[in-house]
Amino acid sequence: MTENIDHDRLFKELISTFFIEFIELFFPQVLQYLDPESVTLLDKEIFTDVTAGDKYETDLIAKVKFLDQPSYFIVHVEAESGARAKFNKRMFRYFARLDEKLDLPIYPIVIFSYDSPKTLAINSYEINFPDFEVLKFNYQVVQLNQLNWRDFLNRQNPIASALMSKMSIATADRPKVKAECLRLLVTLKLNPAKMQLISGFIDTYLRLNQIEEEKFQTEIGTFINKEKEGVMQIVTSWMEEGIERGIERGIERGIETGIERGIEREKNLILRQINRKFGKIDVELETRIRKLNVEIIEDLGEAIFDLDTGEDLRNWLDNI
């Protein structure tokens, strides 16, 4: 149910909002030398691949300071929703161009969010000759379909709450995972905007059918009261947002339909006036009038009083 979702944008928004939490969850060793107060998100970089004729833009570039040191380094994170051929080569090109432009050490990371294939993603790019190794470029990989959501149940981390929804999940466990994602989210006590970001992320990737919804409600019923209330508040907000969107779409459709009907009525009225004044006009002339836009129809309604014959009408239409 996620065909039209901008996956890369959702992941970029999530990771940029919870950058330190992302590093803490998957690369805790980096926090031993990263100053968490120094994070600056840089503008995306756009690269042109002259050979392929394509433009690529980076997802997230963070400039951070080494802990207790005056020097900086770059954390480059790419969010990939598809398994693309030669992606490792693209990562190397990103690395080389960022290195050239920023002239700082770069820590490259890729988060793969696709559901398949399940095979381990490549995490390096190499150039070798029979007699010697020219290059071996490595990058860190977070491959969500290789991770078990149960391993993250008790991690007090907003990134865990969100990304459990994209980890390896048995079909029968989908309702339980959605409930557990929300239970964890409630315990984090984030501000409303961050709560909405994560709950929206979860709901995007774990859309349940009617049977699953019933199981989901049963799962929520097993929570302690405080957690149950918090989760139900989120679920209620989803329902309210859904109703509002439905009403908005209905109003838009209603307005459009009303306008269309009004225009059609005005055209019918004009045609009745024309037929009464000039006699029954031919089909070709009637078709031309029905194709007129609303502004011209209004002009025609005024011009009728100055026209004396069907030929005058035809000439008027020829000159608009």
Protein backbone atom coordinates (compact mmCIF):
# COMPACT_ATOMS: atom_id res chain seq x y z
CA MET A 1 0.00 0.00 0.00
CA THR A 2 2.99 2.31 -0.30
CA GLU A 3 3.27 2.74 -4.08
CA ASN A 4 3.10 6.56 -4.10
CA ILE A 5 5.10 7.22 -0.97
CA ASP A 6 8.24 9.37 -1.14
CA HIS A 7 10.26 6.90 0.93
CA ASP A 8 13.58 8.72 0.75
CA ARG A 9 12.00 12.00 1.91
CA LEU A 10 10.30 10.30 4.88
CA PHE A 11 13.53 8.69 5.98
CA LYS A 12 15.52 11.88 5.53
CA GLU A 13 12.99 13.81 7.64
CA LEU A 14 13.08 11.15 10.35
CA ILE A 15 16.88 10.90 10.54
CA SER A 16 17.50 14.64 10.34
CA THR A 17 15.05 15.19 13.23
CA PHE A 18 16.55 12.39 15.33
CA PHE A 19 20.13 12.37 14.05
CA ILE A 20 21.88 11.70 17.36
CA GLU A 21 19.31 9.04 18.26
CA PHE A 22 19.95 7.35 14.90
CA ILE A 23 23.70 7.27 15.57
CA GLU A 24 23.11 6.08 19.13
CA LEU A 25 20.89 3.20 18.01
CA PHE A 26 23.01 1.83 15.18
CA PHE A 27 26.52 3.23 15.69
CA PRO A 28 26.98 3.82 19.43
CA GLN A 29 30.75 3.59 19.02
CA VAL A 30 30.69 6.87 17.07
CA LEU A 31 29.21 8.69 20.07
CA GLN A 32 32.43 7.98 21.92
CA TYR A 33 34.18 10.59 19.76
CA LEU A 34 31.31 12.74 18.40
CA ASP A 35 30.27 15.95 20.16
CA PRO A 36 26.43 15.70 20.16
CA GLU A 37 26.07 19.47 20.65
CA SER A 38 27.97 20.28 17.47
CA VAL A 39 25.68 18.81 14.80
CA THR A 40 25.03 21.07 11.80
CA LEU A 41 22.99 19.77 8.87
CA LEU A 42 24.43 21.01 5.59
CA ASP A 43 22.58 21.71 2.36
CA LYS A 44 22.19 18.76 0.02
CA GLU A 45 24.74 18.36 -2.74
CA ILE A 46 23.68 17.76 -6.34
CA PHE A 47 26.01 15.75 -8.56
CA THR A 48 25.76 15.26 -12.30
CA ASP A 49 26.78 11.92 -13.76
CA VAL A 50 28.00 13.01 -17.19
CA THR A 51 28.29 9.43 -18.47
CA ALA A 52 24.71 8.53 -17.56
CA GLY A 53 23.20 11.97 -18.06
CA ASP A 54 21.58 11.84 -14.60
CA LYS A 55 21.56 14.16 -11.61
CA TYR A 56 21.82 12.79 -8.08
CA GLU A 57 21.40 14.57 -4.80
CA THR A 58 22.61 13.50 -1.41
CA ASP A 59 20.09 12.78 1.34
CA LEU A 60 21.70 13.98 4.55
CA ILE A 61 25.06 15.57 5.31
CA ALA A 62 25.92 16.45 8.90
CA LYS A 63 29.00 18.37 9.98
CA VAL A 64 30.01 17.32 13.48
CA LYS A 65 32.88 18.01 15.83
CA PHE A 66 35.24 15.49 17.31
CA LEU A 67 34.62 15.32 21.05
CA ASP A 68 37.01 17.59 23.00
CA GLN A 69 38.84 18.50 19.81
CA PRO A 70 38.73 21.57 17.52
CA SER A 71 38.46 19.49 14.33
CA TYR A 72 35.35 18.36 12.44
CA PHE A 73 34.18 15.45 10.32
CA ILE A 74 31.23 14.67 8.07
CA VAL A 75 28.52 12.04 8.54
CA HIS A 76 26.91 11.28 5.20
CA VAL A 77 23.66 9.26 5.32
CA GLU A 78 21.89 7.92 2.24
CA ALA A 79 18.36 6.49 2.51
CA GLU A 80 17.68 3.89 -0.19
CA SER A 81 14.23 2.39 -0.73
CA GLY A 82 15.29 0.23 -3.68
CA ALA A 83 18.07 -2.25 -4.44
CA ARG A 84 19.84 -0.58 -7.35
CA ALA A 85 22.66 -2.04 -9.39
CA LYS A 86 26.08 -0.42 -8.88
CA PHE A 87 24.86 1.61 -5.92
CA ASN A 88 28.22 0.97 -4.24
CA LYS A 89 29.91 2.83 -7.10
CA ARG A 90 27.54 5.76 -6.61
CA MET A 91 28.37 5.85 -2.89
CA PHE A 92 32.04 6.06 -3.77
CA ARG A 93 31.37 8.94 -6.17
CA TYR A 94 29.43 10.77 -3.47
CA PHE A 95 32.34 10.19 -1.10
CA ALA A 96 34.95 11.43 -3.59
CA ARG A 97 33.02 14.60 -4.45
CA LEU A 98 32.19 15.41 -0.85
CA ASP A 99 35.82 14.85 0.07
CA GLU A 100 36.89 17.21 -2.71
CA LYS A 101 34.40 19.92 -1.76
CA LEU A 102 34.42 19.76 2.05
CA ASP A 103 37.96 18.53 2.67
CA LEU A 104 36.95 16.79 5.91
CA PRO A 105 36.96 13.13 7.01
CA ILE A 106 33.70 11.44 5.94
CA TYR A 107 31.78 8.70 7.76
CA PRO A 108 29.47 7.17 5.10
CA ILE A 109 26.24 5.35 6.03
CA VAL A 110 23.46 3.81 3.95
CA ILE A 111 20.08 2.79 5.35
CA PHE A 112 18.31 0.31 3.08
CA SER A 113 14.54 0.25 3.65
CA TYR A 114 13.37 -2.05 0.85
CA ASP A 115 11.43 -5.22 1.70
CA SER A 116 13.27 -7.39 -0.82
CA PRO A 117 15.71 -8.82 -1.69
CA LYS A 118 16.66 -10.30 1.66
CA THR A 119 20.27 -10.93 0.66
CA LEU A 120 22.93 -8.94 2.45
CA ALA A 121 23.58 -5.60 0.78
CA ILE A 122 27.03 -4.79 -0.54
CA ASN A 123 28.96 -2.43 1.74
CA SER A 124 32.08 -1.66 -0.28
CA TYR A 125 33.42 -0.61 -3.66
CA GLU A 126 36.71 -1.96 -4.98
CA ILE A 127 39.07 -1.40 -7.87
CA ASN A 128 41.61 -4.18 -8.29
CA PHE A 129 44.17 -5.44 -10.79
CA PRO A 130 45.66 -8.93 -10.88
CA ASP A 131 48.86 -7.63 -9.35
CA PHE A 132 47.63 -5.02 -6.87
CA GLU A 133 44.65 -3.42 -5.09
CA VAL A 134 44.00 0.17 -6.13
CA LEU A 135 41.03 0.98 -3.91
CA LYS A 136 38.74 -0.45 -1.28
CA PHE A 137 36.04 1.96 -0.16
CA ASN A 138 33.83 0.82 2.74
CA TYR A 139 30.59 2.26 4.06
CA GLN A 140 28.32 1.37 6.96
CA VAL A 141 25.01 -0.32 6.16
CA VAL A 142 21.73 -0.48 8.07
CA GLN A 143 19.62 -3.03 6.21
CA LEU A 144 16.21 -3.01 7.86
CA ASN A 145 14.95 -6.27 6.36
CA GLN A 146 17.87 -8.02 8.07
CA LEU A 147 16.83 -6.76 11.51
CA ASN A 148 14.30 -8.40 13.83
CA TRP A 149 11.83 -5.94 15.33
CA ARG A 150 11.77 -7.90 18.61
CA ASP A 151 15.38 -6.90 19.28
CA PHE A 152 14.31 -3.25 19.47
CA LEU A 153 11.19 -3.55 21.63
CA ASN A 154 12.79 -2.16 24.76
CA ARG A 155 15.14 0.38 23.21
CA GLN A 156 14.14 3.79 24.55
CA ASN A 157 14.85 5.47 21.25
CA PRO A 158 12.45 7.25 18.86
CA ILE A 159 14.29 5.86 15.82
CA ALA A 160 13.61 2.33 17.11
CA SER A 161 9.94 3.17 17.54
CA ALA A 162 9.71 4.32 13.93
CA LEU A 163 11.96 1.83 12.16
CA MET A 164 10.54 -1.32 13.76
CA SER A 165 7.72 -0.77 11.25
CA LYS A 166 10.15 -1.47 8.38
CA MET A 167 12.13 -4.34 9.86
CA SER A 168 11.67 -8.05 9.21
CA ILE A 169 8.06 -8.75 10.25
CA ALA A 170 6.06 -11.93 9.79
CA THR A 171 2.68 -11.15 8.22
CA ALA A 172 0.83 -12.44 11.30
CA ASP A 173 2.83 -10.06 13.52
CA ARG A 174 1.94 -6.83 11.73
CA PRO A 175 -0.84 -5.78 14.17
CA LYS A 176 1.38 -6.54 17.17
CA VAL A 177 4.34 -4.63 15.72
CA LYS A 178 2.20 -1.56 15.07
CA ALA A 179 0.88 -1.66 18.62
CA GLU A 180 4.39 -2.11 20.06
CA CYS A 181 5.79 0.74 17.95
CA LEU A 182 3.14 3.04 19.39
CA ARG A 183 3.57 1.70 22.93
CA LEU A 184 7.29 2.51 22.76
CA LEU A 185 6.54 5.92 21.28
CA VAL A 186 4.18 6.78 24.15
CA THR A 187 6.84 5.92 26.74
CA LEU A 188 9.32 8.35 25.14
CA LYS A 189 7.26 11.44 26.08
CA LEU A 190 8.28 13.49 23.05
CA ASN A 191 6.81 16.86 22.10
CA PRO A 192 3.63 16.76 19.94
CA ALA A 193 5.40 17.58 16.66
CA LYS A 194 7.91 14.75 17.08
CA MET A 195 5.18 12.37 18.22
CA GLN A 196 3.22 13.21 15.07
CA LEU A 197 6.27 12.68 12.85
CA ILE A 198 6.92 9.18 14.21
CA SER A 199 3.30 8.10 14.50
CA GLY A 200 2.73 9.20 10.91
CA PHE A 201 5.80 7.24 9.82
CA ILE A 202 4.51 4.11 11.59
CA ASP A 203 1.04 4.46 10.10
CA THR A 204 2.48 4.95 6.62
CA TYR A 205 4.38 1.68 6.68
CA LEU A 206 1.96 -0.43 8.70
CA ARG A 207 -1.43 0.14 7.08
CA LEU A 208 -3.67 -2.63 8.39
CA ASN A 209 -6.68 -4.30 6.82
CA GLN A 210 -9.93 -4.76 8.75
CA ILE A 211 -8.96 -8.12 10.27
CA GLU A 212 -5.55 -6.77 11.28
CA GLU A 213 -7.19 -3.69 12.79
CA GLU A 214 -9.24 -5.92 15.10
CA LYS A 215 -6.08 -7.73 16.22
CA PHE A 216 -4.36 -4.38 16.66
CA GLN A 217 -7.12 -3.21 18.99
CA THR A 218 -6.81 -6.46 20.96
CA GLU A 219 -3.06 -5.87 21.35
CA ILE A 220 -3.66 -2.35 22.65
CA GLY A 221 -6.08 -3.80 25.20
CA THR A 222 -3.22 -5.76 26.81
CA PHE A 223 -1.23 -2.61 27.64
CA ILE A 224 -1.19 -1.02 31.08
CA ASN A 225 -3.70 1.82 31.38
CA LYS A 226 -1.25 4.69 30.93
CA GLU A 227 0.22 3.20 27.75
CA LYS A 228 -3.22 2.20 26.46
CA GLU A 229 -4.53 5.76 26.89
CA GLY A 230 -1.53 7.24 25.10
CA VAL A 231 -1.79 4.84 22.17
CA MET A 232 -5.54 5.41 21.87
CA GLN A 233 -4.96 9.16 21.71
CA ILE A 234 -2.66 8.62 18.73
CA VAL A 235 -5.15 6.29 17.05
CA THR A 236 -7.95 8.81 17.64
CA SER A 237 -5.86 11.57 16.08
CA TRP A 238 -5.32 9.35 13.00
CA MET A 239 -9.07 8.85 12.74
CA GLU A 240 -9.76 12.58 13.07
CA GLU A 241 -7.14 13.43 10.45
CA GLY A 242 -8.60 10.79 8.14
CA ILE A 243 -12.10 12.22 8.58
CA GLU A 244 -10.84 15.75 7.94
CA ARG A 245 -9.02 14.66 4.78
CA GLY A 246 -12.13 12.82 3.66
CA ILE A 247 -14.31 15.87 4.27
CA GLU A 248 -11.82 18.11 2.45
CA ARG A 249 -11.74 15.78 -0.53
CA GLY A 250 -15.52 15.53 -0.44
CA ILE A 251 -15.91 19.32 -0.30
CA GLU A 252 -13.42 19.73 -3.15
CA ARG A 253 -15.25 17.17 -5.24
CA GLY A 254 -18.57 18.75 -4.28
CA ILE A 255 -17.41 22.25 -5.25
CA GLU A 256 -15.98 20.98 -8.54
CA THR A 257 -19.20 19.10 -9.29
CA GLY A 258 -21.32 22.10 -8.35
CA ILE A 259 -19.29 24.41 -10.60
CA GLU A 260 -19.47 21.97 -13.48
CA ARG A 261 -23.25 21.63 -13.08
CA GLY A 262 -23.66 25.40 -12.87
CA ILE A 263 -21.70 25.93 -16.07
CA GLU A 264 -23.71 23.23 -17.81
CA ARG A 265 -26.98 24.85 -16.72
CA GLU A 266 -25.80 28.23 -18.01
CA LYS A 267 -24.88 26.71 -21.38
CA ASN A 268 -28.30 25.05 -21.62
CA LEU A 269 -29.98 28.37 -20.82
CA ILE A 270 -27.96 30.20 -23.49
CA LEU A 271 -28.80 27.52 -26.07
CA ARG A 272 -32.53 27.76 -25.28
CA GLN A 273 -32.37 31.53 -25.76
CA ILE A 274 -30.51 31.10 -29.06
CA ASN A 275 -32.95 28.50 -30.38
CA ARG A 276 -35.90 30.69 -29.39
CA LYS A 277 -34.42 33.74 -31.14
CA PHE A 278 -32.85 32.19 -34.26
CA GLY A 279 -34.68 28.88 -34.57
CA LYS A 280 -33.08 25.49 -34.05
CA ILE A 281 -29.33 25.82 -34.73
CA ASP A 282 -27.34 22.99 -36.28
CA VAL A 283 -25.40 20.39 -34.26
CA GLU A 284 -21.98 21.78 -35.26
CA LEU A 285 -22.84 25.22 -33.89
CA GLU A 286 -24.31 23.79 -30.69
CA THR A 287 -21.17 21.69 -30.13
CA ARG A 288 -18.97 24.79 -30.50
CA ILE A 289 -21.04 26.61 -27.90
CA ARG A 290 -20.92 23.71 -25.43
CA LYS A 291 -17.10 23.72 -25.66
CA LEU A 292 -16.81 27.39 -24.66
CA ASN A 293 -15.33 28.22 -21.29
CA VAL A 294 -17.37 29.98 -18.63
CA GLU A 295 -16.03 33.50 -19.41
CA ILE A 296 -16.95 33.26 -23.12
CA ILE A 297 -20.36 31.80 -22.26
CA GLU A 298 -21.05 34.86 -20.09
CA ASP A 299 -19.98 37.17 -22.95
CA LEU A 300 -22.24 35.26 -25.33
CA GLY A 301 -25.17 35.67 -22.96
CA GLU A 302 -24.79 39.45 -23.26
CA ALA A 303 -24.02 39.44 -27.01
CA ILE A 304 -27.23 37.54 -27.92
CA PHE A 305 -29.27 40.74 -27.55
CA ASP A 306 -27.17 42.43 -30.26
CA LEU A 307 -27.27 39.53 -32.73
CA ASP A 308 -30.09 39.36 -35.29
CA THR A 309 -29.50 36.12 -37.21
CA GLY A 310 -27.88 32.73 -36.94
CA GLU A 311 -25.19 33.98 -39.30
CA ASP A 312 -24.43 36.83 -36.88
CA LEU A 313 -24.01 34.20 -34.16
CA ARG A 314 -21.61 32.20 -36.31
CA ASN A 315 -19.56 35.30 -37.12
CA TRP A 316 -19.42 36.21 -33.40
CA LEU A 317 -18.08 32.74 -32.57
CA ASP A 318 -15.54 32.97 -35.40
CA ASN A 319 -14.18 36.22 -33.96
CA ILE A 320 -13.78 35.31 -30.28
